[in-house]
Amino acid sequence: MALSISLPNTSRDAYRAAMINAESQLLFLLLIASLVGMGARKLKLPYTVALVVAGIALGLMHLPELAGLHLTRELLMWGLLPSLLFEAAYHIDFNRLRKDLPVVMFLAILGVLGATTITGVGVYSLFQAMGVEGFTLGYSLLFGSMIAATDPISVLALFKTLGVTKRLYLMVEGESLLNDGVAVVLFVIIAAVLGIDSGHGHAPALEGMGAIISYGLRTLVTMGVGGVLIGGFVGAVASMLVKQVNDKLIETALTVVVAYGSFLMAEHFHTSGVLSTVTAGVVLGNFGKSFGMQVRTRAAVEDFWEFMAFFSNTFVFLLVGLELNMPELAADMGLIAIAWAVVLLARAAMVYLSLPVGRWLGVAKVPTSWAHVMVWGGLRGSLSMVLIISLPLDFEARALLLNLIFGVVSISLLIQAITVKPLLSWLGLSGNRNERLAYEEARGRVIMKHAALDFVQGRGVHMDASIRATLVREYTASLESAKNAVKEAAGDHLDEEQLDEERLHLIHIEEEALKHAQQEGIVSSTPTRTILEELAEKREQLGNHGVGGG
């Protein structure tokens, strides 16, 4: 039986007109995004910064083609946010992040709590001193929770371009993923205590600080743990399913189900959809991808999610620019500047506090120069927009909070993002990306020639002797040429690079031999897990070495 929807002719015509209008706006924004991307590349500007500027320009032009196009909570929360979260979580290398996980967790949990408190108290005190009426401590703490999470999309893109050490990249990326979920939970708690409907219900009648703290802790644990468990379950089930399928289209579709399904399931049970999607992405990206997907499938999935991230970021930052009301922002610019300064100081306090905490927890020393980058590169973005737009339209402090959030996000993008590159250069943290790429290309050619030559010499016995000898001569010559290119690209780092690569290759051989022994019943699962953990630690240590890698 065919599924159909019957509409009166008038309703059908209105629906058709609305769909044509929506499709036209979508295509127009994608065209603008493409042009902005080309311009940003030529001008060497962060792409997200260029999108915000383009959005502001479009808003000032009042184009009829964009009439009625606005940011909504539903569009951001249900349409765009899951894809942004999943794409980042899917690509994060958990094994390499693991050794810095204590510092990352400190920043993502206690860092968000501390930054929210410092921001809330600081902004409230300064606004009171300036005579701002009606802005209570509760509203200020609500602002702190909305602006606490970092969203360093531009900074991470810049890290890739400049060849910044992988360890710093993973710390910044890992924190930004985890602190999103914590910030959302904290926002829900504060909103509920204030009696504001944020989509997760109202708090019961709470009397006294003890009752508020007890409610907050219960909600934090319930939403946080619940979101992680749901995401872990969805990611694990998907990891088992992709192992049973060998079809890149089906497996790509399954990742979409995981990204949005984990978010929807967690929100249905009133837990954290953000943490659920992040957890599902980490599980599928670190386990399902490695053990269940073929190489061509992994490539197809990564290409698809790279586009989805581009698509979502395009709409978030263009629409942010469109939503900015420049006259109102200009009127509140003094308050916005104060709020931004307090947010930055709160961020600095928690990042610099993480350095001694990390040493106390046994984490390898994090250079102070990295902390400078983490403070200045802690941009604010899409999640803050989602949270402020989710507040009820009749909430009395919504207008001021909207300007504060939009203003601080804009300043962080237009000032901090643009100046991160000179900061990295000044601190001496910019690696030479071109040299690294040249080395990797040369090493890739050596690996290719080695594999082909090994095949001809070892398993090419069916070939005619003269043809085999010719191929051996050709590949031996090209292999020597590739090795010379490696020496030239690596310079003084050649021995260290090749030694680490051979160690990584031997670790892989050891892992395969151990897994085979377990399958044959020679070694049981418990000692196998112990040994595999040791090998994973060795691989992690080796993975942090290399030319321009760190």
Protein backbone atom coordinates (compact mmCIF):
# COMPACT_ATOMS: atom_id res chain seq x y z
CA MET A 1 0.00 0.00 0.00
CA ALA A 2 1.41 3.37 -0.98
CA LEU A 3 1.78 6.03 1.68
CA SER A 4 0.14 9.30 0.68
CA ILE A 5 -1.01 12.51 2.30
CA SER A 6 -4.12 14.22 0.97
CA LEU A 7 -4.18 18.01 1.17
CA PRO A 8 -6.70 20.53 -0.11
CA ASN A 9 -5.50 22.32 -3.23
CA THR A 10 -4.91 25.54 -1.31
CA SER A 11 -2.87 23.76 1.35
CA ARG A 12 -0.97 21.86 -1.32
CA ASP A 13 -0.07 25.06 -3.14
CA ALA A 14 1.04 26.73 0.10
CA TYR A 15 3.12 23.69 1.03
CA ARG A 16 4.71 23.62 -2.43
CA ALA A 17 5.55 27.31 -2.25
CA ALA A 18 7.06 26.89 1.22
CA MET A 19 9.20 23.97 0.06
CA ILE A 20 10.44 25.86 -3.01
CA ASN A 21 11.30 28.85 -0.80
CA ALA A 22 13.19 26.65 1.70
CA GLU A 23 15.12 24.89 -1.06
CA SER A 24 16.01 28.23 -2.65
CA GLN A 25 17.31 29.58 0.67
CA LEU A 26 19.33 26.42 1.21
CA LEU A 27 20.95 26.60 -2.22
CA PHE A 28 21.61 30.32 -1.81
CA LEU A 29 23.37 29.80 1.52
CA LEU A 30 25.44 26.94 0.12
CA LEU A 31 26.49 29.16 -2.79
CA ILE A 32 27.45 31.92 -0.35
CA ALA A 33 29.36 29.41 1.77
CA SER A 34 31.31 28.17 -1.26
CA LEU A 35 32.24 31.71 -2.28
CA VAL A 36 33.16 32.60 1.31
CA GLY A 37 35.30 29.47 1.55
CA MET A 38 37.24 30.42 -1.58
CA GLY A 39 37.70 33.96 -0.31
CA ALA A 40 38.79 32.79 3.14
CA ARG A 41 41.38 30.49 1.61
CA LYS A 42 42.85 33.29 -0.50
CA LEU A 43 42.86 35.74 2.40
CA LYS A 44 44.09 33.03 4.83
CA LEU A 45 41.23 33.71 7.25
CA PRO A 46 39.61 31.04 9.48
CA TYR A 47 36.60 29.73 7.58
CA THR A 48 34.13 30.12 10.46
CA VAL A 49 35.22 33.73 10.99
CA ALA A 50 34.61 34.46 7.32
CA LEU A 51 31.15 32.85 7.57
CA VAL A 52 30.15 35.05 10.52
CA VAL A 53 31.31 38.19 8.70
CA ALA A 54 29.39 37.09 5.59
CA GLY A 55 26.31 36.44 7.73
CA ILE A 56 26.51 39.93 9.26
CA ALA A 57 26.84 41.44 5.79
CA LEU A 58 23.83 39.47 4.54
CA GLY A 59 21.83 40.57 7.57
CA LEU A 60 22.61 44.23 6.94
CA MET A 61 21.58 43.85 3.27
CA HIS A 62 18.06 42.56 4.17
CA LEU A 63 17.83 40.38 1.08
CA PRO A 64 14.24 39.27 0.31
CA GLU A 65 15.59 35.81 -0.59
CA LEU A 66 16.48 35.27 3.06
CA ALA A 67 13.27 36.65 4.57
CA GLY A 68 11.97 34.49 7.39
CA LEU A 69 15.21 32.55 7.78
CA HIS A 70 16.10 32.39 11.48
CA LEU A 71 17.99 30.27 13.97
CA THR A 72 15.67 28.05 15.97
CA ARG A 73 16.34 25.68 18.84
CA GLU A 74 14.94 22.79 16.81
CA LEU A 75 17.18 23.51 13.82
CA LEU A 76 20.31 23.81 15.92
CA MET A 77 19.60 21.13 18.52
CA TRP A 78 18.05 18.43 16.37
CA GLY A 79 19.33 19.25 12.91
CA LEU A 80 22.89 20.53 13.14
CA LEU A 81 24.38 19.82 16.57
CA PRO A 82 24.37 15.97 16.40
CA SER A 83 26.31 15.96 13.13
CA LEU A 84 28.94 18.38 14.50
CA LEU A 85 29.37 16.33 17.66
CA PHE A 86 29.47 12.96 15.92
CA GLU A 87 31.95 14.03 13.24
CA ALA A 88 34.45 15.27 15.81
CA ALA A 89 33.95 12.29 18.15
CA TYR A 90 34.21 9.74 15.31
CA HIS A 91 37.65 11.02 14.29
CA ILE A 92 39.19 11.43 17.74
CA ASP A 93 41.95 8.93 18.54
CA PHE A 94 41.05 7.78 22.03
CA ASN A 95 44.20 5.70 22.48
CA ARG A 96 46.39 8.76 21.92
CA LEU A 97 44.16 10.95 24.07
CA ARG A 98 44.13 8.48 26.95
CA LYS A 99 47.38 9.52 28.60
CA ASP A 100 46.13 13.14 28.85
CA LEU A 101 42.61 12.11 29.81
CA PRO A 102 42.93 13.20 33.48
CA VAL A 103 43.72 16.77 32.43
CA VAL A 104 41.03 16.72 29.74
CA MET A 105 38.44 15.40 32.21
CA PHE A 106 39.45 18.01 34.78
CA LEU A 107 38.93 20.79 32.23
CA ALA A 108 35.71 19.28 30.87
CA ILE A 109 34.05 18.75 34.27
CA LEU A 110 35.61 20.81 37.05
CA GLY A 111 36.82 23.34 34.50
CA VAL A 112 33.25 23.97 33.28
CA LEU A 113 31.91 24.12 36.85
CA GLY A 114 34.69 26.49 37.91
CA ALA A 115 34.43 28.69 34.81
CA THR A 116 30.65 28.92 35.21
CA THR A 117 31.00 29.99 38.85
CA ILE A 118 33.78 32.51 38.21
CA THR A 119 31.97 33.94 35.19
CA GLY A 120 28.64 34.12 37.00
CA VAL A 121 29.97 35.80 40.13
CA GLY A 122 32.32 38.08 38.18
CA VAL A 123 29.74 39.30 35.68
CA TYR A 124 27.11 39.77 38.40
CA SER A 125 29.47 41.81 40.60
CA LEU A 126 30.62 44.07 37.75
CA PHE A 127 27.10 44.58 36.40
CA GLN A 128 25.89 45.48 39.90
CA ALA A 129 28.71 48.00 40.22
CA MET A 130 27.61 49.51 36.90
CA GLY A 131 24.00 49.75 38.04
CA VAL A 132 22.52 47.16 35.67
CA GLU A 133 19.03 46.45 37.05
CA GLY A 134 17.19 43.14 37.09
CA PHE A 135 20.26 41.00 36.34
CA THR A 136 20.35 38.60 39.27
CA LEU A 137 23.11 36.23 40.34
CA GLY A 138 21.00 33.34 39.04
CA TYR A 139 20.77 34.90 35.58
CA SER A 140 24.51 35.55 35.63
CA LEU A 141 25.23 31.91 36.51
CA LEU A 142 22.87 30.88 33.70
CA PHE A 143 24.97 33.01 31.33
CA GLY A 144 28.12 31.36 32.69
CA SER A 145 26.78 27.89 31.95
CA MET A 146 25.77 28.82 28.41
CA ILE A 147 29.16 30.33 27.56
CA ALA A 148 31.38 27.83 29.44
CA ALA A 149 31.83 25.23 26.70
CA THR A 150 34.56 25.77 24.11
CA ASP A 151 34.02 25.30 20.37
CA PRO A 152 37.47 25.69 18.76
CA ILE A 153 36.57 24.66 15.21
CA SER A 154 38.63 27.44 13.62
CA VAL A 155 41.57 26.81 15.94
CA LEU A 156 41.67 23.08 15.19
CA ALA A 157 41.58 23.77 11.45
CA LEU A 158 44.49 26.15 11.97
CA PHE A 159 46.36 23.49 13.98
CA LYS A 160 46.15 21.14 10.98
CA THR A 161 47.42 23.81 8.62
CA LEU A 162 50.37 24.77 10.82
CA GLY A 163 51.38 21.25 11.81
CA VAL A 164 50.91 21.80 15.54
CA THR A 165 51.81 18.85 17.76
CA LYS A 166 49.20 16.10 17.74
CA ARG A 167 49.08 15.92 21.51
CA LEU A 168 48.00 19.54 21.87
CA TYR A 169 45.48 19.08 19.06
CA LEU A 170 43.90 16.08 20.79
CA MET A 171 43.77 17.81 24.17
CA VAL A 172 41.91 20.81 22.72
CA GLU A 173 39.59 18.61 20.65
CA GLY A 174 38.90 16.13 23.45
CA GLU A 175 38.08 18.83 25.97
CA SER A 176 35.73 20.62 23.57
CA LEU A 177 33.81 17.38 22.96
CA LEU A 178 33.38 16.48 26.62
CA ASN A 179 32.71 19.94 28.01
CA ASP A 180 29.73 20.37 25.68
CA GLY A 181 27.81 17.68 27.54
CA VAL A 182 28.78 18.97 30.97
CA ALA A 183 27.78 22.53 30.04
CA VAL A 184 24.36 21.38 28.81
CA VAL A 185 23.70 19.46 32.02
CA LEU A 186 24.78 22.43 34.13
CA PHE A 187 22.57 24.75 32.07
CA VAL A 188 19.57 22.46 32.59
CA ILE A 189 20.19 22.37 36.35
CA ILE A 190 20.50 26.14 36.74
CA ALA A 191 17.51 26.80 34.47
CA ALA A 192 15.38 24.33 36.42
CA VAL A 193 16.36 25.85 39.77
CA LEU A 194 15.40 29.28 38.41
CA GLY A 195 12.06 27.90 37.24
CA ILE A 196 12.89 28.31 33.54
CA ASP A 197 11.66 25.73 31.04
CA SER A 198 14.68 24.57 29.04
CA GLY A 199 12.97 21.54 27.56
CA HIS A 200 13.89 19.18 30.42
CA GLY A 201 11.14 20.06 32.87
CA HIS A 202 11.02 22.14 36.02
CA ALA A 203 12.80 21.42 39.29
CA PRO A 204 10.72 20.49 42.32
CA ALA A 205 10.23 23.12 44.97
CA LEU A 206 13.68 23.55 46.49
CA GLU A 207 14.29 25.27 49.79
CA GLY A 208 17.79 25.96 51.00
CA MET A 209 21.21 25.55 49.45
CA GLY A 210 21.46 21.92 50.58
CA ALA A 211 18.36 20.93 48.61
CA ILE A 212 19.60 22.79 45.52
CA ILE A 213 23.03 21.15 45.68
CA SER A 214 21.46 17.71 46.19
CA TYR A 215 19.15 18.20 43.21
CA GLY A 216 22.02 19.48 41.09
CA LEU A 217 24.26 16.51 41.87
CA ARG A 218 21.46 14.02 41.19
CA THR A 219 20.66 15.65 37.86
CA LEU A 220 24.33 15.86 36.90
CA VAL A 221 24.87 12.17 37.58
CA THR A 222 21.59 11.07 36.00
CA MET A 223 21.97 13.06 32.79
CA GLY A 224 25.72 12.52 32.50
CA VAL A 225 25.89 8.81 33.28
CA GLY A 226 22.64 8.13 31.42
CA GLY A 227 23.89 9.88 28.29
CA VAL A 228 27.21 8.03 28.33
CA LEU A 229 25.51 4.64 28.85
CA ILE A 230 23.00 5.18 26.06
CA GLY A 231 25.69 6.42 23.68
CA GLY A 232 27.99 3.55 24.59
CA PHE A 233 25.19 1.03 23.98
CA VAL A 234 24.25 2.52 20.60
CA GLY A 235 27.91 2.72 19.55
CA ALA A 236 28.60 -0.87 20.61
CA VAL A 237 25.55 -2.25 18.78
CA ALA A 238 26.49 -0.30 15.65
CA SER A 239 30.08 -1.59 15.89
CA MET A 240 28.78 -5.17 15.84
CA LEU A 241 26.42 -4.44 12.95
CA VAL A 242 29.06 -2.88 10.67
CA LYS A 243 31.15 -6.00 11.12
CA GLN A 244 28.34 -8.04 9.58
CA VAL A 245 27.94 -5.77 6.54
CA ASN A 246 30.31 -4.99 3.70
CA ASP A 247 28.48 -2.22 1.89
CA LYS A 248 29.74 1.34 2.15
CA LEU A 249 26.30 2.88 1.52
CA ILE A 250 24.58 0.83 4.20
CA GLU A 251 27.37 1.43 6.71
CA THR A 252 27.37 5.16 6.00
CA ALA A 253 23.61 5.22 6.53
CA LEU A 254 24.13 3.35 9.80
CA THR A 255 26.50 6.03 11.07
CA VAL A 256 23.77 8.62 10.46
CA VAL A 257 21.37 6.50 12.51
CA VAL A 258 23.98 6.32 15.28
CA ALA A 259 24.64 10.08 15.29
CA TYR A 260 21.02 11.18 15.42
CA GLY A 261 19.53 8.08 17.04
CA SER A 262 21.81 8.24 20.08
CA PHE A 263 20.93 11.93 20.51
CA LEU A 264 17.18 11.35 20.19
CA MET A 265 17.19 8.32 22.47
CA ALA A 266 19.06 10.16 25.22
CA GLU A 267 16.81 13.22 24.98
CA HIS A 268 13.73 10.96 25.11
CA PHE A 269 14.90 9.57 28.45
CA HIS A 270 15.83 13.09 29.68
CA THR A 271 19.55 12.39 29.73
CA SER A 272 22.31 14.24 27.86
CA GLY A 273 21.93 13.90 24.10
CA VAL A 274 25.26 15.67 23.66
CA LEU A 275 27.19 13.16 25.77
CA SER A 276 25.29 10.29 24.17
CA THR A 277 26.25 11.30 20.63
CA VAL A 278 29.85 11.99 21.63
CA THR A 279 30.16 8.60 23.34
CA ALA A 280 28.56 6.77 20.41
CA GLY A 281 30.93 8.53 18.00
CA VAL A 282 34.01 7.66 20.06
CA VAL A 283 32.98 3.98 20.35
CA LEU A 284 32.17 3.58 16.66
CA GLY A 285 35.21 5.58 15.54
CA ASN A 286 37.71 3.73 17.72
CA PHE A 287 36.29 0.19 17.66
CA GLY A 288 33.63 -0.29 14.99
CA LYS A 289 35.64 1.53 12.33
CA SER A 290 38.83 -0.42 13.04
CA PHE A 291 37.37 -3.91 13.36
CA GLY A 292 34.23 -3.82 11.22
CA MET A 293 34.80 -1.52 8.23
CA GLN A 294 36.73 -2.17 5.07
CA VAL A 295 39.22 0.46 3.89
CA ARG A 296 36.96 1.80 1.12
CA THR A 297 34.04 1.99 3.55
CA ARG A 298 36.09 3.97 6.06
CA ALA A 299 37.07 6.39 3.31
CA ALA A 300 33.44 6.82 2.20
CA VAL A 301 32.22 7.37 5.77
CA GLU A 302 34.93 9.93 6.50
CA ASP A 303 34.19 11.83 3.28
CA PHE A 304 30.48 11.88 4.10
CA TRP A 305 30.97 13.20 7.64
CA GLU A 306 33.52 15.74 6.48
CA PHE A 307 30.81 17.19 4.24
CA MET A 308 28.20 16.99 7.01
CA ALA A 309 30.48 18.95 9.34
CA PHE A 310 31.09 21.52 6.61
CA PHE A 311 27.34 21.75 5.92
CA SER A 312 26.40 22.14 9.60
CA ASN A 313 29.15 24.65 10.36
CA THR A 314 28.12 26.64 7.31
CA PHE A 315 24.58 27.05 8.55
CA VAL A 316 25.47 27.64 12.20
CA PHE A 317 27.92 30.43 11.57
CA LEU A 318 26.11 32.03 8.62
CA LEU A 319 22.87 32.07 10.60
CA VAL A 320 24.68 33.46 13.64
CA GLY A 321 25.79 36.36 11.48
CA LEU A 322 22.27 36.81 10.10
CA GLU A 323 20.78 36.86 13.61
CA LEU A 324 23.14 39.52 14.96
CA ASN A 325 21.32 42.80 15.53
CA MET A 326 24.15 45.27 15.16
CA PRO A 327 22.38 48.33 16.65
CA GLU A 328 21.37 46.39 19.78
CA LEU A 329 24.82 44.84 20.08
CA ALA A 330 26.41 48.25 19.73
CA ALA A 331 24.20 49.59 22.54
CA ASP A 332 25.31 46.77 24.85
CA MET A 333 28.92 46.68 23.67
CA GLY A 334 30.27 47.87 27.02
CA LEU A 335 28.53 45.04 28.88
CA ILE A 336 29.55 42.55 26.19
CA ALA A 337 33.22 43.57 26.46
CA ILE A 338 33.11 43.15 30.25
CA ALA A 339 31.43 39.75 29.94
CA TRP A 340 34.02 38.60 27.36
CA ALA A 341 36.91 39.68 29.61
CA VAL A 342 35.43 37.81 32.60
CA VAL A 343 34.85 34.69 30.46
CA LEU A 344 38.47 34.82 29.30
CA LEU A 345 39.78 35.25 32.86
CA ALA A 346 37.63 32.35 34.06
CA ARG A 347 38.99 30.19 31.25
CA ALA A 348 42.56 31.18 32.12
CA ALA A 349 42.07 30.38 35.81
CA MET A 350 40.87 26.82 35.09
CA VAL A 351 43.44 26.06 32.35
CA TYR A 352 46.42 27.21 34.41
CA LEU A 353 45.06 25.34 37.44
CA SER A 354 45.00 22.16 35.32
CA LEU A 355 48.82 22.22 34.97
CA PRO A 356 49.66 21.40 38.62
CA VAL A 357 46.61 19.13 38.83
CA GLY A 358 47.89 17.18 35.81
CA ARG A 359 51.35 16.77 37.36
CA TRP A 360 49.73 15.59 40.60
CA LEU A 361 47.73 13.01 38.61
CA GLY A 362 50.89 11.73 36.93
CA VAL A 363 50.25 13.20 33.47
CA ALA A 364 53.29 14.07 31.37
CA LYS A 365 54.17 17.74 31.72
CA VAL A 366 52.00 20.10 29.69
CA PRO A 367 54.12 23.09 28.58
CA THR A 368 52.95 26.48 29.80
CA SER A 369 52.99 27.71 26.19
CA TRP A 370 50.30 25.12 25.41
CA ALA A 371 48.19 26.51 28.23
CA HIS A 372 48.43 29.98 26.67
CA VAL A 373 47.07 28.54 23.41
CA MET A 374 44.28 26.64 25.19
CA VAL A 375 43.19 29.84 26.95
CA TRP A 376 43.21 32.07 23.88
CA GLY A 377 42.00 29.31 21.57
CA GLY A 378 39.01 28.46 23.77
CA LEU A 379 36.49 29.97 21.36
CA ARG A 380 32.76 29.96 21.91
CA GLY A 381 30.32 28.89 19.21
CA SER A 382 27.37 26.74 18.21
CA LEU A 383 26.43 25.22 21.57
CA SER A 384 26.11 28.63 23.24
CA MET A 385 23.74 29.65 20.43
CA VAL A 386 21.66 26.49 20.93
CA LEU A 387 21.27 27.11 24.65
CA ILE A 388 20.36 30.80 24.50
CA ILE A 389 17.79 30.21 21.75
CA SER A 390 16.21 27.42 23.82
CA LEU A 391 15.14 29.92 26.50
CA PRO A 392 11.41 30.88 26.45
CA LEU A 393 10.57 34.01 24.51
CA ASP A 394 8.83 35.55 27.55
CA PHE A 395 11.86 35.12 29.84
CA GLU A 396 12.58 38.61 31.19
CA ALA A 397 16.38 38.52 30.86
CA ARG A 398 16.38 36.80 27.47
CA ALA A 399 17.10 39.93 25.40
CA LEU A 400 20.18 40.94 27.41
CA LEU A 401 21.46 37.36 27.65
CA LEU A 402 20.97 36.97 23.89
CA ASN A 403 23.12 40.03 23.21
CA LEU A 404 25.76 38.89 25.71
CA ILE A 405 25.99 35.40 24.19
CA PHE A 406 26.00 36.60 20.58
CA GLY A 407 28.48 39.35 21.44
CA VAL A 408 30.95 37.13 23.30
CA VAL A 409 30.75 34.44 20.60
CA SER A 410 31.38 37.07 17.91
CA ILE A 411 34.34 38.61 19.76
CA SER A 412 35.89 35.19 20.32
CA LEU A 413 35.57 34.42 16.62
CA LEU A 414 36.55 37.81 15.25
CA ILE A 415 39.43 38.54 17.64
CA GLN A 416 40.71 35.34 19.25
CA ALA A 417 40.41 33.08 16.19
CA ILE A 418 42.22 35.53 13.93
CA THR A 419 45.07 36.10 16.38
CA VAL A 420 45.74 32.45 17.28
CA LYS A 421 48.13 32.02 14.34
CA PRO A 422 50.51 34.85 15.37
CA LEU A 423 50.28 33.60 18.97
CA LEU A 424 51.42 30.13 17.86
CA SER A 425 54.29 31.66 15.89
CA TRP A 426 55.31 33.87 18.82
CA LEU A 427 55.31 30.85 21.16
CA GLY A 428 57.27 28.76 18.65
CA LEU A 429 54.54 26.13 18.33
CA SER A 430 54.02 26.32 14.57
CA GLY A 431 55.46 23.24 12.94
CA ASN A 432 56.42 23.15 9.27
CA ARG A 433 53.45 21.37 7.77
CA ASN A 434 54.94 21.27 4.26
CA GLU A 435 58.05 19.47 5.47
CA ARG A 436 55.93 16.93 7.33
CA LEU A 437 53.77 16.25 4.28
CA ALA A 438 56.85 15.86 2.08
CA TYR A 439 58.28 13.32 4.53
CA GLU A 440 55.01 11.38 4.73
CA GLU A 441 54.69 11.29 0.94
CA ALA A 442 58.24 9.98 0.59
CA ARG A 443 57.65 7.33 3.27
CA GLY A 444 54.45 6.29 1.51
CA ARG A 445 56.36 5.73 -1.71
CA VAL A 446 58.99 3.65 0.10
CA ILE A 447 56.29 1.45 1.63
CA MET A 448 54.63 0.97 -1.75
CA LYS A 449 57.89 0.05 -3.52
CA HIS A 450 58.91 -2.30 -0.71
CA ALA A 451 55.59 -4.16 -0.91
CA ALA A 452 55.76 -4.50 -4.70
CA LEU A 453 59.42 -5.63 -4.63
CA ASP A 454 58.74 -8.18 -1.88
CA PHE A 455 55.91 -9.63 -3.97
CA VAL A 456 58.03 -9.93 -7.10
CA GLN A 457 61.01 -11.45 -5.26
CA GLY A 458 59.05 -13.77 -2.99
CA ARG A 459 55.79 -14.69 -4.69
CA GLY A 460 56.29 -13.78 -8.33
CA VAL A 461 57.63 -17.23 -9.21
CA HIS A 462 55.01 -17.64 -11.94
CA MET A 463 56.59 -14.81 -13.92
CA ASP A 464 58.97 -15.29 -16.79
CA ALA A 465 62.55 -15.06 -15.47
CA SER A 466 63.55 -12.15 -17.74
CA ILE A 467 60.38 -10.18 -16.90
CA ARG A 468 60.91 -10.83 -13.21
CA ALA A 469 64.52 -9.66 -13.38
CA THR A 470 63.48 -6.49 -15.22
CA LEU A 471 60.81 -5.69 -12.62
CA VAL A 472 63.26 -6.32 -9.77
CA ARG A 473 65.76 -3.87 -11.34
CA GLU A 474 63.07 -1.23 -11.93
CA TYR A 475 61.59 -1.44 -8.43
CA THR A 476 65.00 -1.62 -6.77
CA ALA A 477 66.01 1.60 -8.51
CA SER A 478 62.73 3.37 -7.67
CA LEU A 479 63.00 2.15 -4.07
CA GLU A 480 66.47 3.66 -3.72
CA SER A 481 65.18 6.91 -5.18
CA ALA A 482 62.30 6.96 -2.68
CA LYS A 483 64.68 6.25 0.21
CA ASN A 484 66.84 9.19 -0.82
CA ALA A 485 63.74 11.40 -0.85
CA VAL A 486 62.95 10.24 2.70
CA LYS A 487 66.46 11.14 3.85
CA GLU A 488 66.19 14.58 2.31
CA ALA A 489 62.73 15.25 3.81
CA ALA A 490 63.53 13.95 7.30
CA GLY A 491 67.00 15.44 7.69
CA ASP A 492 68.43 14.92 11.15
CA HIS A 493 65.25 13.11 12.29
CA LEU A 494 65.65 10.17 9.87
CA ASP A 495 66.99 7.52 12.26
CA GLU A 496 64.49 8.40 14.98
CA GLU A 497 61.58 8.42 12.51
CA GLN A 498 62.43 5.08 10.93
CA LEU A 499 63.18 3.43 14.26
CA ASP A 500 59.78 4.48 15.62
CA GLU A 501 58.04 3.30 12.45
CA GLU A 502 59.69 -0.13 12.66
CA ARG A 503 58.75 -0.35 16.34
CA LEU A 504 55.12 0.43 15.50
CA HIS A 505 55.17 -2.21 12.76
CA LEU A 506 56.58 -4.83 15.17
CA ILE A 507 53.96 -3.94 17.79
CA HIS A 508 51.28 -4.61 15.17
CA ILE A 509 52.87 -8.01 14.43
CA GLU A 510 52.97 -8.82 18.16
CA GLU A 511 49.28 -7.93 18.54
CA GLU A 512 48.25 -10.12 15.62
CA ALA A 513 50.28 -13.06 16.96
CA LEU A 514 48.76 -12.69 20.44
CA LYS A 515 45.21 -12.51 19.08
CA HIS A 516 45.86 -15.64 17.02
CA ALA A 517 47.15 -17.41 20.13
CA GLN A 518 43.99 -16.45 21.99
CA GLN A 519 41.79 -17.75 19.17
CA GLU A 520 43.69 -21.05 19.26
CA GLY A 521 43.12 -21.32 23.02
CA ILE A 522 46.82 -21.01 23.88
CA VAL A 523 46.35 -17.80 25.90
CA SER A 524 43.17 -16.92 27.79
CA SER A 525 41.36 -13.57 27.56
CA THR A 526 42.61 -12.03 30.84
CA PRO A 527 46.37 -12.13 30.12
CA THR A 528 45.60 -11.20 26.51
CA ARG A 529 43.89 -7.99 27.64
CA THR A 530 46.80 -7.18 29.97
CA ILE A 531 49.40 -7.61 27.24
CA LEU A 532 47.31 -5.70 24.68
CA GLU A 533 47.03 -2.78 27.09
CA GLU A 534 50.82 -2.74 27.46
CA LEU A 535 51.24 -2.77 23.68
CA ALA A 536 48.66 0.01 23.33
CA GLU A 537 50.66 2.17 25.76
CA LYS A 538 53.83 1.55 23.75
CA ARG A 539 52.04 2.44 20.52
CA GLU A 540 50.67 5.59 22.11
CA GLN A 541 54.12 6.70 23.24
CA LEU A 542 55.59 6.06 19.80
CA GLY A 543 52.67 7.83 18.12
CA ASN A 544 53.63 11.10 19.81
CA HIS A 545 57.08 11.21 18.15
CA GLY A 546 58.00 12.36 14.67
CA VAL A 547 58.92 15.28 12.48
CA GLY A 548 56.63 18.11 13.31
CA GLY A 549 54.45 15.74 15.23
CA GLY A 550 55.36 15.84 18.89
